[in-house]
Amino acid sequence: ADPKADVVSVMLKIPHTEGSLYRLLTKFFVNGMNLMRIENRPIKDGSFDVWFYLDFNGRLDDPNVTALMNDLAENLEEFRILGTFPHDS
């Protein structure tokens, strides 16, 4: 992995339940991770589901990031780590 890669990019789908986006975002806050980007795109399957794309400051070798990724993978229908990249400052 690139030692300068300090941004993690993920995509996920959350349930259509009250407060689900709030609960998702809270997980990043309580783990001290800064969200740099959040966007959503419709899933083209006729449903009203959307993919969320999030970039946040973190490293995959950080235990807090690992714990958060495991939590998301276990608790969401769909979750993928898209990759890591260095933050251009």
C-alpha atoms as a PDB file:
ATOM      1  CA  ALA A   1       0.000   0.000   0.000  1.00  0.00           C
ATOM      2  CA  ASP A   2       1.093   3.551  -0.674  1.00  0.00           C
ATOM      3  CA  PRO A   3       2.546   4.924   2.594  1.00  0.00           C
ATOM      4  CA  LYS A   4       1.099   8.358   1.712  1.00  0.00           C
ATOM      5  CA  ALA A   5      -2.430   6.966   1.238  1.00  0.00           C
ATOM      6  CA  ASP A   6      -4.383   8.670   4.010  1.00  0.00           C
ATOM      7  CA  VAL A   7      -7.852   8.768   2.445  1.00  0.00           C
ATOM      8  CA  VAL A   8     -10.148   5.742   2.249  1.00  0.00           C
ATOM      9  CA  SER A   9     -12.907   5.580  -0.362  1.00  0.00           C
ATOM     10  CA  VAL A  10     -15.948   3.333   0.184  1.00  0.00           C
ATOM     11  CA  MET A  11     -19.367   2.715  -1.350  1.00  0.00           C
ATOM     12  CA  LEU A  12     -22.355   1.385   0.546  1.00  0.00           C
ATOM     13  CA  LYS A  13     -26.105   1.029   0.678  1.00  0.00           C
ATOM     14  CA  ILE A  14     -28.068   1.853   3.824  1.00  0.00           C
ATOM     15  CA  PRO A  15     -31.558   0.661   4.749  1.00  0.00           C
ATOM     16  CA  HIS A  16     -34.622   2.848   4.159  1.00  0.00           C
ATOM     17  CA  THR A  17     -35.275   3.350   7.850  1.00  0.00           C
ATOM     18  CA  GLU A  18     -35.653   6.475   9.915  1.00  0.00           C
ATOM     19  CA  GLY A  19     -32.275   7.778  11.047  1.00  0.00           C
ATOM     20  CA  SER A  20     -30.156   5.309   9.061  1.00  0.00           C
ATOM     21  CA  LEU A  21     -28.002   8.030   7.459  1.00  0.00           C
ATOM     22  CA  TYR A  22     -27.574   9.752  10.821  1.00  0.00           C
ATOM     23  CA  ARG A  23     -26.473   6.475  12.440  1.00  0.00           C
ATOM     24  CA  LEU A  24     -24.015   5.841   9.603  1.00  0.00           C
ATOM     25  CA  LEU A  25     -22.451   9.307   9.864  1.00  0.00           C
ATOM     26  CA  THR A  26     -22.265   9.034  13.669  1.00  0.00           C
ATOM     27  CA  LYS A  27     -20.002   5.970  13.300  1.00  0.00           C
ATOM     28  CA  PHE A  28     -17.434   8.117  11.498  1.00  0.00           C
ATOM     29  CA  PHE A  29     -17.730  10.904  14.085  1.00  0.00           C
ATOM     30  CA  VAL A  30     -17.280   8.668  17.144  1.00  0.00           C
ATOM     31  CA  ASN A  31     -14.204   7.088  15.552  1.00  0.00           C
ATOM     32  CA  GLY A  32     -12.693  10.546  14.940  1.00  0.00           C
ATOM     33  CA  MET A  33     -12.707  10.278  11.153  1.00  0.00           C
ATOM     34  CA  ASN A  34     -13.214  13.329   8.979  1.00  0.00           C
ATOM     35  CA  LEU A  35     -15.545  12.810   6.011  1.00  0.00           C
ATOM     36  CA  MET A  36     -14.101  14.565   2.981  1.00  0.00           C
ATOM     37  CA  ARG A  37     -16.812  13.619   0.489  1.00  0.00           C
ATOM     38  CA  ILE A  38     -20.263  12.116   0.601  1.00  0.00           C
ATOM     39  CA  GLU A  39     -22.460  11.711  -2.440  1.00  0.00           C
ATOM     40  CA  ASN A  40     -25.245   9.443  -3.515  1.00  0.00           C
ATOM     41  CA  ARG A  41     -26.261   8.009  -6.836  1.00  0.00           C
ATOM     42  CA  PRO A  42     -29.394   6.057  -7.724  1.00  0.00           C
ATOM     43  CA  ILE A  43     -29.046   2.326  -8.261  1.00  0.00           C
ATOM     44  CA  LYS A  44     -30.353   1.661 -11.753  1.00  0.00           C
ATOM     45  CA  ASP A  45     -32.537  -1.327 -10.914  1.00  0.00           C
ATOM     46  CA  GLY A  46     -35.957   0.324 -10.744  1.00  0.00           C
ATOM     47  CA  SER A  47     -35.839   0.622  -6.954  1.00  0.00           C
ATOM     48  CA  PHE A  48     -35.445   3.865  -5.060  1.00  0.00           C
ATOM     49  CA  ASP A  49     -32.225   2.625  -3.470  1.00  0.00           C
ATOM     50  CA  VAL A  50     -29.057   4.692  -3.732  1.00  0.00           C
ATOM     51  CA  TRP A  51     -25.346   4.021  -3.453  1.00  0.00           C
ATOM     52  CA  PHE A  52     -23.487   6.280  -1.050  1.00  0.00           C
ATOM     53  CA  TYR A  53     -19.865   7.105  -1.875  1.00  0.00           C
ATOM     54  CA  LEU A  54     -17.756   8.356   1.025  1.00  0.00           C
ATOM     55  CA  ASP A  55     -14.131   9.452   1.266  1.00  0.00           C
ATOM     56  CA  PHE A  56     -12.676   9.932   4.727  1.00  0.00           C
ATOM     57  CA  ASN A  57      -9.315  10.580   6.342  1.00  0.00           C
ATOM     58  CA  GLY A  58      -7.831   7.333   7.565  1.00  0.00           C
ATOM     59  CA  ARG A  59      -5.467   4.475   6.870  1.00  0.00           C
ATOM     60  CA  LEU A  60      -6.450   0.838   6.412  1.00  0.00           C
ATOM     61  CA  ASP A  61      -3.730  -0.204   8.899  1.00  0.00           C
ATOM     62  CA  ASP A  62      -5.312   1.962  11.648  1.00  0.00           C
ATOM     63  CA  PRO A  63      -7.197  -0.264  14.148  1.00  0.00           C
ATOM     64  CA  ASN A  64     -10.053   2.287  14.389  1.00  0.00           C
ATOM     65  CA  VAL A  65     -10.487   2.226  10.598  1.00  0.00           C
ATOM     66  CA  THR A  66     -10.365  -1.582  10.580  1.00  0.00           C
ATOM     67  CA  ALA A  67     -12.999  -1.749  13.330  1.00  0.00           C
ATOM     68  CA  LEU A  68     -15.266   0.694  11.468  1.00  0.00           C
ATOM     69  CA  MET A  69     -14.881  -1.191   8.164  1.00  0.00           C
ATOM     70  CA  ASN A  70     -15.739  -4.488   9.900  1.00  0.00           C
ATOM     71  CA  ASP A  71     -18.781  -2.881  11.559  1.00  0.00           C
ATOM     72  CA  LEU A  72     -20.042  -1.522   8.225  1.00  0.00           C
ATOM     73  CA  ALA A  73     -19.405  -4.807   6.405  1.00  0.00           C
ATOM     74  CA  GLU A  74     -21.331  -6.758   9.065  1.00  0.00           C
ATOM     75  CA  ASN A  75     -24.260  -4.356   9.389  1.00  0.00           C
ATOM     76  CA  LEU A  76     -24.971  -3.170   5.851  1.00  0.00           C
ATOM     77  CA  GLU A  77     -26.488  -5.104   2.949  1.00  0.00           C
ATOM     78  CA  GLU A  78     -23.856  -3.746   0.599  1.00  0.00           C
ATOM     79  CA  PHE A  79     -20.427  -2.374   1.494  1.00  0.00           C
ATOM     80  CA  ARG A  80     -17.243  -2.115  -0.562  1.00  0.00           C
ATOM     81  CA  ILE A  81     -13.864  -0.537   0.020  1.00  0.00           C
ATOM     82  CA  LEU A  82     -12.997   1.129  -3.280  1.00  0.00           C
ATOM     83  CA  GLY A  83      -9.400   1.938  -2.362  1.00  0.00           C
ATOM     84  CA  THR A  84      -7.071   4.426  -0.748  1.00  0.00           C
ATOM     85  CA  PHE A  85      -5.217   7.447  -2.061  1.00  0.00           C
ATOM     86  CA  PRO A  86      -3.075  10.315  -0.793  1.00  0.00           C
ATOM     87  CA  HIS A  87      -4.844  13.527   0.109  1.00  0.00           C
ATOM     88  CA  ASP A  88      -3.523  16.367  -2.022  1.00  0.00           C
ATOM     89  CA  SER A  89      -2.733  19.225   0.260  1.00  0.00           C
END
